[in-house]
Amino acid sequence: FVYYSAAGIEFNAKINGILAVRLQATRIDPSKS
């Protein structure tokens, strides 16, 4: 879980092609926020 402002992940990798990530939010209300 990534909570606070400027939090996140970092890694080094050898990559060929597409880079993607799977995320899921909770407590989100896009109509308000």
PDB file of all heavy atoms in Angstrom:
ATOM      1  N   PHE A   1       0.842  -1.192   0.000  1.00  0.00           N
ATOM      2  CA  PHE A   1       0.000   0.000   0.000  1.00  0.00           C
ATOM      3  C   PHE A   1       0.879   1.244   0.000  1.00  0.00           C
ATOM      4  O   PHE A   1       1.785   1.377   0.826  1.00  0.00           O
ATOM      5  CB  PHE A   1      -0.911   0.024   1.222  1.00  0.00           C
ATOM      6  CG  PHE A   1      -2.155  -0.791   1.081  1.00  0.00           C
ATOM      7  CD1 PHE A   1      -2.276  -2.003   1.743  1.00  0.00           C
ATOM      8  CD2 PHE A   1      -3.198  -0.362   0.274  1.00  0.00           C
ATOM      9  CE1 PHE A   1      -3.428  -2.763   1.609  1.00  0.00           C
ATOM     10  CE2 PHE A   1      -4.348  -1.108   0.130  1.00  0.00           C
ATOM     11  CZ  PHE A   1      -4.467  -2.319   0.805  1.00  0.00           C
ATOM     12  N   VAL A   2       0.590   2.151  -0.924  1.00  0.00           N
ATOM     13  CA  VAL A   2       1.280   3.439  -1.011  1.00  0.00           C
ATOM     14  C   VAL A   2       0.311   4.504  -0.513  1.00  0.00           C
ATOM     15  O   VAL A   2      -0.710   4.760  -1.145  1.00  0.00           O
ATOM     16  CB  VAL A   2       1.723   3.726  -2.458  1.00  0.00           C
ATOM     17  CG1 VAL A   2       2.379   5.091  -2.545  1.00  0.00           C
ATOM     18  CG2 VAL A   2       2.690   2.651  -2.936  1.00  0.00           C
ATOM     19  N   TYR A   3       0.622   5.113   0.627  1.00  0.00           N
ATOM     20  CA  TYR A   3      -0.337   5.990   1.290  1.00  0.00           C
ATOM     21  C   TYR A   3      -0.086   7.484   1.046  1.00  0.00           C
ATOM     22  O   TYR A   3      -0.885   8.176   0.439  1.00  0.00           O
ATOM     23  CB  TYR A   3      -0.312   5.743   2.797  1.00  0.00           C
ATOM     24  CG  TYR A   3      -0.901   4.428   3.233  1.00  0.00           C
ATOM     25  CD1 TYR A   3      -0.085   3.418   3.714  1.00  0.00           C
ATOM     26  CD2 TYR A   3      -2.267   4.199   3.156  1.00  0.00           C
ATOM     27  CE1 TYR A   3      -0.623   2.213   4.126  1.00  0.00           C
ATOM     28  CE2 TYR A   3      -2.820   3.000   3.569  1.00  0.00           C
ATOM     29  CZ  TYR A   3      -1.993   2.004   4.053  1.00  0.00           C
ATOM     30  OH  TYR A   3      -2.519   0.816   4.451  1.00  0.00           O
ATOM     31  N   TYR A   4       1.020   7.971   1.580  1.00  0.00           N
ATOM     32  CA  TYR A   4       1.202   9.416   1.703  1.00  0.00           C
ATOM     33  C   TYR A   4       1.775  10.067   0.447  1.00  0.00           C
ATOM     34  O   TYR A   4       2.284   9.401  -0.457  1.00  0.00           O
ATOM     35  CB  TYR A   4       2.124   9.714   2.892  1.00  0.00           C
ATOM     36  CG  TYR A   4       1.436   9.572   4.236  1.00  0.00           C
ATOM     37  CD1 TYR A   4       1.516   8.380   4.957  1.00  0.00           C
ATOM     38  CD2 TYR A   4       0.704  10.619   4.775  1.00  0.00           C
ATOM     39  CE1 TYR A   4       0.884   8.253   6.192  1.00  0.00           C
ATOM     40  CE2 TYR A   4       0.070  10.502   6.009  1.00  0.00           C
ATOM     41  CZ  TYR A   4       0.162   9.319   6.710  1.00  0.00           C
ATOM     42  OH  TYR A   4      -0.455   9.185   7.912  1.00  0.00           O
ATOM     43  N   SER A   5       1.698  11.386   0.425  1.00  0.00           N
ATOM     44  CA  SER A   5       2.242  12.167  -0.687  1.00  0.00           C
ATOM     45  C   SER A   5       3.708  11.825  -0.917  1.00  0.00           C
ATOM     46  O   SER A   5       4.489  11.675   0.032  1.00  0.00           O
ATOM     47  CB  SER A   5       2.128  13.667  -0.375  1.00  0.00           C
ATOM     48  OG  SER A   5       0.797  14.041  -0.117  1.00  0.00           O
ATOM     49  N   ALA A   6       4.086  11.709  -2.194  1.00  0.00           N
ATOM     50  CA  ALA A   6       5.455  11.446  -2.635  1.00  0.00           C
ATOM     51  C   ALA A   6       5.965  10.065  -2.238  1.00  0.00           C
ATOM     52  O   ALA A   6       7.152   9.770  -2.403  1.00  0.00           O
ATOM     53  CB  ALA A   6       6.417  12.519  -2.147  1.00  0.00           C
ATOM     54  N   ALA A   7       5.090   9.198  -1.728  1.00  0.00           N
ATOM     55  CA  ALA A   7       5.477   7.812  -1.474  1.00  0.00           C
ATOM     56  C   ALA A   7       5.457   7.043  -2.797  1.00  0.00           C
ATOM     57  O   ALA A   7       4.875   7.495  -3.786  1.00  0.00           O
ATOM     58  CB  ALA A   7       4.536   7.167  -0.471  1.00  0.00           C
ATOM     59  N   GLY A   8       6.087   5.881  -2.816  1.00  0.00           N
ATOM     60  CA  GLY A   8       6.073   5.116  -4.051  1.00  0.00           C
ATOM     61  C   GLY A   8       7.039   3.951  -4.034  1.00  0.00           C
ATOM     62  O   GLY A   8       7.441   3.462  -2.974  1.00  0.00           O
ATOM     63  N   ILE A   9       7.421   3.509  -5.228  1.00  0.00           N
ATOM     64  CA  ILE A   9       8.371   2.414  -5.366  1.00  0.00           C
ATOM     65  C   ILE A   9       9.467   2.818  -6.347  1.00  0.00           C
ATOM     66  O   ILE A   9       9.258   3.677  -7.207  1.00  0.00           O
ATOM     67  CB  ILE A   9       7.699   1.112  -5.844  1.00  0.00           C
ATOM     68  CG1 ILE A   9       7.089   1.281  -7.246  1.00  0.00           C
ATOM     69  CG2 ILE A   9       6.641   0.655  -4.851  1.00  0.00           C
ATOM     70  CD1 ILE A   9       6.594  -0.017  -7.862  1.00  0.00           C
ATOM     71  N   GLU A  10      10.610   2.180  -6.185  1.00  0.00           N
ATOM     72  CA  GLU A  10      11.743   2.415  -7.087  1.00  0.00           C
ATOM     73  C   GLU A  10      12.458   1.093  -7.319  1.00  0.00           C
ATOM     74  O   GLU A  10      12.618   0.291  -6.403  1.00  0.00           O
ATOM     75  CB  GLU A  10      12.709   3.430  -6.477  1.00  0.00           C
ATOM     76  CG  GLU A  10      13.947   3.696  -7.320  1.00  0.00           C
ATOM     77  CD  GLU A  10      14.958   4.608  -6.651  1.00  0.00           C
ATOM     78  OE1 GLU A  10      14.720   5.026  -5.494  1.00  0.00           O
ATOM     79  OE2 GLU A  10      16.000   4.885  -7.289  1.00  0.00           O
ATOM     80  N   PHE A  11      12.884   0.847  -8.545  1.00  0.00           N
ATOM     81  CA  PHE A  11      13.651  -0.360  -8.831  1.00  0.00           C
ATOM     82  C   PHE A  11      14.513  -0.153 -10.072  1.00  0.00           C
ATOM     83  O   PHE A  11      14.257   0.743 -10.886  1.00  0.00           O
ATOM     84  CB  PHE A  11      12.732  -1.578  -9.025  1.00  0.00           C
ATOM     85  CG  PHE A  11      11.728  -1.441 -10.136  1.00  0.00           C
ATOM     86  CD1 PHE A  11      12.018  -1.874 -11.427  1.00  0.00           C
ATOM     87  CD2 PHE A  11      10.477  -0.893  -9.887  1.00  0.00           C
ATOM     88  CE1 PHE A  11      11.085  -1.752 -12.455  1.00  0.00           C
ATOM     89  CE2 PHE A  11       9.538  -0.762 -10.908  1.00  0.00           C
ATOM     90  CZ  PHE A  11       9.846  -1.198 -12.194  1.00  0.00           C
ATOM     91  N   ASN A  12      15.527  -0.985 -10.188  1.00  0.00           N
ATOM     92  CA  ASN A  12      16.370  -1.030 -11.379  1.00  0.00           C
ATOM     93  C   ASN A  12      16.062  -2.314 -12.130  1.00  0.00           C
ATOM     94  O   ASN A  12      15.889  -3.375 -11.516  1.00  0.00           O
ATOM     95  CB  ASN A  12      17.849  -1.004 -10.985  1.00  0.00           C
ATOM     96  CG  ASN A  12      18.254   0.286 -10.310  1.00  0.00           C
ATOM     97  OD1 ASN A  12      17.874   1.367 -10.744  1.00  0.00           O
ATOM     98  ND2 ASN A  12      19.023   0.178  -9.235  1.00  0.00           N
ATOM     99  N   ALA A  13      15.994  -2.223 -13.455  1.00  0.00           N
ATOM    100  CA  ALA A  13      15.652  -3.415 -14.229  1.00  0.00           C
ATOM    101  C   ALA A  13      16.170  -3.308 -15.657  1.00  0.00           C
ATOM    102  O   ALA A  13      16.331  -2.216 -16.196  1.00  0.00           O
ATOM    103  CB  ALA A  13      14.143  -3.621 -14.252  1.00  0.00           C
ATOM    104  N   LYS A  14      16.421  -4.468 -16.223  1.00  0.00           N
ATOM    105  CA  LYS A  14      16.691  -4.575 -17.649  1.00  0.00           C
ATOM    106  C   LYS A  14      15.362  -4.909 -18.320  1.00  0.00           C
ATOM    107  O   LYS A  14      14.756  -5.939 -18.031  1.00  0.00           O
ATOM    108  CB  LYS A  14      17.724  -5.665 -17.911  1.00  0.00           C
ATOM    109  CG  LYS A  14      18.194  -5.731 -19.358  1.00  0.00           C
ATOM    110  CD  LYS A  14      19.341  -6.726 -19.511  1.00  0.00           C
ATOM    111  CE  LYS A  14      19.859  -6.733 -20.950  1.00  0.00           C
ATOM    112  NZ  LYS A  14      20.997  -7.684 -21.098  1.00  0.00           N
ATOM    113  N   ILE A  15      14.896  -4.021 -19.207  1.00  0.00           N
ATOM    114  CA  ILE A  15      13.543  -4.127 -19.745  1.00  0.00           C
ATOM    115  C   ILE A  15      13.590  -4.107 -21.270  1.00  0.00           C
ATOM    116  O   ILE A  15      14.301  -3.293 -21.870  1.00  0.00           O
ATOM    117  CB  ILE A  15      12.656  -2.965 -19.234  1.00  0.00           C
ATOM    118  CG1 ILE A  15      12.667  -2.927 -17.703  1.00  0.00           C
ATOM    119  CG2 ILE A  15      11.234  -3.091 -19.766  1.00  0.00           C
ATOM    120  CD1 ILE A  15      11.982  -1.702 -17.113  1.00  0.00           C
ATOM    121  N   ASN A  16      12.784  -4.971 -21.855  1.00  0.00           N
ATOM    122  CA  ASN A  16      12.647  -5.015 -23.316  1.00  0.00           C
ATOM    123  C   ASN A  16      11.165  -4.953 -23.665  1.00  0.00           C
ATOM    124  O   ASN A  16      10.424  -5.912 -23.462  1.00  0.00           O
ATOM    125  CB  ASN A  16      13.276  -6.295 -23.876  1.00  0.00           C
ATOM    126  CG  ASN A  16      13.228  -6.347 -25.391  1.00  0.00           C
ATOM    127  OD1 ASN A  16      12.996  -5.335 -26.053  1.00  0.00           O
ATOM    128  ND2 ASN A  16      13.437  -7.524 -25.954  1.00  0.00           N
ATOM    129  N   GLY A  17      10.709  -3.774 -24.140  1.00  0.00           N
ATOM    130  CA  GLY A  17       9.309  -3.628 -24.530  1.00  0.00           C
ATOM    131  C   GLY A  17       8.513  -2.799 -23.553  1.00  0.00           C
ATOM    132  O   GLY A  17       8.954  -1.756 -23.086  1.00  0.00           O
ATOM    133  N   ILE A  18       7.325  -3.301 -23.193  1.00  0.00           N
ATOM    134  CA  ILE A  18       6.380  -2.550 -22.366  1.00  0.00           C
ATOM    135  C   ILE A  18       6.696  -2.724 -20.883  1.00  0.00           C
ATOM    136  O   ILE A  18       7.062  -3.810 -20.426  1.00  0.00           O
ATOM    137  CB  ILE A  18       4.939  -3.020 -22.659  1.00  0.00           C
ATOM    138  CG1 ILE A  18       4.525  -2.623 -24.076  1.00  0.00           C
ATOM    139  CG2 ILE A  18       3.954  -2.429 -21.656  1.00  0.00           C
ATOM    140  CD1 ILE A  18       3.168  -3.161 -24.498  1.00  0.00           C
ATOM    141  N   LEU A  19       6.522  -1.639 -20.146  1.00  0.00           N
ATOM    142  CA  LEU A  19       6.574  -1.662 -18.685  1.00  0.00           C
ATOM    143  C   LEU A  19       5.203  -1.264 -18.169  1.00  0.00           C
ATOM    144  O   LEU A  19       4.667  -0.217 -18.548  1.00  0.00           O
ATOM    145  CB  LEU A  19       7.635  -0.698 -18.161  1.00  0.00           C
ATOM    146  CG  LEU A  19       7.635  -0.434 -16.650  1.00  0.00           C
ATOM    147  CD1 LEU A  19       7.976  -1.703 -15.878  1.00  0.00           C
ATOM    148  CD2 LEU A  19       8.619   0.691 -16.309  1.00  0.00           C
ATOM    149  N   ALA A  20       4.612  -2.097 -17.310  1.00  0.00           N
ATOM    150  CA  ALA A  20       3.278  -1.807 -16.777  1.00  0.00           C
ATOM    151  C   ALA A  20       3.249  -2.126 -15.289  1.00  0.00           C
ATOM    152  O   ALA A  20       4.141  -2.803 -14.753  1.00  0.00           O
ATOM    153  CB  ALA A  20       2.219  -2.611 -17.520  1.00  0.00           C
ATOM    154  N   VAL A  21       2.204  -1.655 -14.625  1.00  0.00           N
ATOM    155  CA  VAL A  21       2.032  -1.916 -13.204  1.00  0.00           C
ATOM    156  C   VAL A  21       0.545  -2.125 -12.932  1.00  0.00           C
ATOM    157  O   VAL A  21      -0.307  -1.540 -13.602  1.00  0.00           O
ATOM    158  CB  VAL A  21       2.598  -0.751 -12.358  1.00  0.00           C
ATOM    159  CG1 VAL A  21       1.793   0.523 -12.581  1.00  0.00           C
ATOM    160  CG2 VAL A  21       2.641  -1.100 -10.885  1.00  0.00           C
ATOM    161  N   ARG A  22       0.237  -2.973 -11.973  1.00  0.00           N
ATOM    162  CA  ARG A  22      -1.159  -3.227 -11.613  1.00  0.00           C
ATOM    163  C   ARG A  22      -1.445  -2.548 -10.283  1.00  0.00           C
ATOM    164  O   ARG A  22      -0.789  -2.819  -9.278  1.00  0.00           O
ATOM    165  CB  ARG A  22      -1.425  -4.729 -11.542  1.00  0.00           C
ATOM    166  CG  ARG A  22      -2.896  -5.077 -11.373  1.00  0.00           C
ATOM    167  CD  ARG A  22      -3.190  -6.518 -11.747  1.00  0.00           C
ATOM    168  NE  ARG A  22      -3.212  -6.675 -13.203  1.00  0.00           N
ATOM    169  CZ  ARG A  22      -2.471  -7.554 -13.867  1.00  0.00           C
ATOM    170  NH1 ARG A  22      -1.652  -8.349 -13.217  1.00  0.00           N
ATOM    171  NH2 ARG A  22      -2.561  -7.638 -15.174  1.00  0.00           N
ATOM    172  N   LEU A  23      -2.438  -1.646 -10.310  1.00  0.00           N
ATOM    173  CA  LEU A  23      -2.796  -0.846  -9.143  1.00  0.00           C
ATOM    174  C   LEU A  23      -4.275  -1.012  -8.822  1.00  0.00           C
ATOM    175  O   LEU A  23      -5.094  -1.246  -9.713  1.00  0.00           O
ATOM    176  CB  LEU A  23      -2.522   0.641  -9.397  1.00  0.00           C
ATOM    177  CG  LEU A  23      -1.120   1.046  -9.855  1.00  0.00           C
ATOM    178  CD1 LEU A  23      -1.085   2.533 -10.185  1.00  0.00           C
ATOM    179  CD2 LEU A  23      -0.086   0.711  -8.795  1.00  0.00           C
ATOM    180  N   GLN A  24      -4.597  -0.829  -7.545  1.00  0.00           N
ATOM    181  CA  GLN A  24      -6.004  -0.813  -7.129  1.00  0.00           C
ATOM    182  C   GLN A  24      -6.177   0.187  -6.002  1.00  0.00           C
ATOM    183  O   GLN A  24      -5.473   0.116  -4.991  1.00  0.00           O
ATOM    184  CB  GLN A  24      -6.487  -2.190  -6.695  1.00  0.00           C
ATOM    185  CG  GLN A  24      -7.978  -2.208  -6.359  1.00  0.00           C
ATOM    186  CD  GLN A  24      -8.506  -3.609  -6.119  1.00  0.00           C
ATOM    187  OE1 GLN A  24      -7.742  -4.554  -5.924  1.00  0.00           O
ATOM    188  NE2 GLN A  24      -9.822  -3.757  -6.136  1.00  0.00           N
ATOM    189  N   ALA A  25      -7.124   1.108  -6.174  1.00  0.00           N
ATOM    190  CA  ALA A  25      -7.384   2.133  -5.170  1.00  0.00           C
ATOM    191  C   ALA A  25      -8.543   1.717  -4.270  1.00  0.00           C
ATOM    192  O   ALA A  25      -9.436   0.968  -4.678  1.00  0.00           O
ATOM    193  CB  ALA A  25      -7.704   3.467  -5.838  1.00  0.00           C
ATOM    194  N   THR A  26      -8.532   2.212  -3.050  1.00  0.00           N
ATOM    195  CA  THR A  26      -9.652   2.058  -2.137  1.00  0.00           C
ATOM    196  C   THR A  26      -9.973   3.423  -1.541  1.00  0.00           C
ATOM    197  O   THR A  26      -9.133   4.318  -1.517  1.00  0.00           O
ATOM    198  CB  THR A  26      -9.333   1.069  -1.001  1.00  0.00           C
ATOM    199  OG1 THR A  26      -8.165   1.526  -0.294  1.00  0.00           O
ATOM    200  CG2 THR A  26      -9.061  -0.324  -1.550  1.00  0.00           C
ATOM    201  N   ARG A  27     -11.198   3.587  -1.063  1.00  0.00           N
ATOM    202  CA  ARG A  27     -11.685   4.848  -0.478  1.00  0.00           C
ATOM    203  C   ARG A  27     -11.638   5.997  -1.475  1.00  0.00           C
ATOM    204  O   ARG A  27     -11.470   7.152  -1.079  1.00  0.00           O
ATOM    205  CB  ARG A  27     -10.867   5.234   0.765  1.00  0.00           C
ATOM    206  CG  ARG A  27     -10.871   4.242   1.885  1.00  0.00           C
ATOM    207  CD  ARG A  27     -10.138   4.777   3.105  1.00  0.00           C
ATOM    208  NE  ARG A  27      -8.746   5.046   2.836  1.00  0.00           N
ATOM    209  CZ  ARG A  27      -8.243   6.247   2.675  1.00  0.00           C
ATOM    210  NH1 ARG A  27      -9.012   7.315   2.724  1.00  0.00           N
ATOM    211  NH2 ARG A  27      -6.960   6.411   2.449  1.00  0.00           N
ATOM    212  N   ILE A  28     -11.805   5.727  -2.739  1.00  0.00           N
ATOM    213  CA  ILE A  28     -11.714   6.778  -3.741  1.00  0.00           C
ATOM    214  C   ILE A  28     -13.109   7.219  -4.174  1.00  0.00           C
ATOM    215  O   ILE A  28     -14.000   6.397  -4.344  1.00  0.00           O
ATOM    216  CB  ILE A  28     -10.894   6.301  -4.960  1.00  0.00           C
ATOM    217  CG1 ILE A  28     -10.644   7.449  -5.941  1.00  0.00           C
ATOM    218  CG2 ILE A  28     -11.553   5.136  -5.659  1.00  0.00           C
ATOM    219  CD1 ILE A  28      -9.698   7.075  -7.072  1.00  0.00           C
ATOM    220  N   ASP A  29     -13.304   8.520  -4.316  1.00  0.00           N
ATOM    221  CA  ASP A  29     -14.570   9.065  -4.802  1.00  0.00           C
ATOM    222  C   ASP A  29     -14.241  10.111  -5.863  1.00  0.00           C
ATOM    223  O   ASP A  29     -14.107  11.293  -5.563  1.00  0.00           O
ATOM    224  CB  ASP A  29     -15.372   9.689  -3.664  1.00  0.00           C
ATOM    225  CG  ASP A  29     -16.757  10.156  -4.113  1.00  0.00           C
ATOM    226  OD1 ASP A  29     -17.024  10.144  -5.333  1.00  0.00           O
ATOM    227  OD2 ASP A  29     -17.567  10.529  -3.248  1.00  0.00           O
ATOM    228  N   PRO A  30     -14.079   9.685  -7.112  1.00  0.00           N
ATOM    229  CA  PRO A  30     -13.648  10.613  -8.166  1.00  0.00           C
ATOM    230  C   PRO A  30     -14.634  11.748  -8.420  1.00  0.00           C
ATOM    231  O   PRO A  30     -14.250  12.803  -8.914  1.00  0.00           O
ATOM    232  CB  PRO A  30     -13.505   9.715  -9.400  1.00  0.00           C
ATOM    233  CG  PRO A  30     -14.336   8.524  -9.105  1.00  0.00           C
ATOM    234  CD  PRO A  30     -14.258   8.327  -7.623  1.00  0.00           C
ATOM    235  N   SER A  31     -15.905  11.560  -8.054  1.00  0.00           N
ATOM    236  CA  SER A  31     -16.887  12.629  -8.254  1.00  0.00           C
ATOM    237  C   SER A  31     -16.597  13.820  -7.346  1.00  0.00           C
ATOM    238  O   SER A  31     -16.971  14.951  -7.639  1.00  0.00           O
ATOM    239  CB  SER A  31     -18.303  12.113  -7.995  1.00  0.00           C
ATOM    240  OG  SER A  31     -18.467  11.763  -6.625  1.00  0.00           O
ATOM    241  N   LYS A  32     -15.932  13.561  -6.232  1.00  0.00           N
ATOM    242  CA  LYS A  32     -15.607  14.625  -5.291  1.00  0.00           C
ATOM    243  C   LYS A  32     -14.143  15.035  -5.360  1.00  0.00           C
ATOM    244  O   LYS A  32     -13.805  16.206  -5.177  1.00  0.00           O
ATOM    245  CB  LYS A  32     -15.941  14.184  -3.860  1.00  0.00           C
ATOM    246  CG  LYS A  32     -17.427  13.971  -3.614  1.00  0.00           C
ATOM    247  CD  LYS A  32     -17.668  13.556  -2.171  1.00  0.00           C
ATOM    248  CE  LYS A  32     -19.157  13.344  -1.905  1.00  0.00           C
ATOM    249  NZ  LYS A  32     -19.402  12.934  -0.508  1.00  0.00           N
ATOM    250  N   SER A  33     -13.262  14.067  -5.618  1.00  0.00           N
ATOM    251  CA  SER A  33     -11.836  14.370  -5.507  1.00  0.00           C
ATOM    252  C   SER A  33     -11.109  14.442  -6.836  1.00  0.00           C
ATOM    253  O   SER A  33     -10.046  15.022  -6.925  1.00  0.00           O
ATOM    254  CB  SER A  33     -11.152  13.298  -4.651  1.00  0.00           C
ATOM    255  OG  SER A  33     -11.073  12.069  -5.361  1.00  0.00           O
TER     256      SER A  33
END
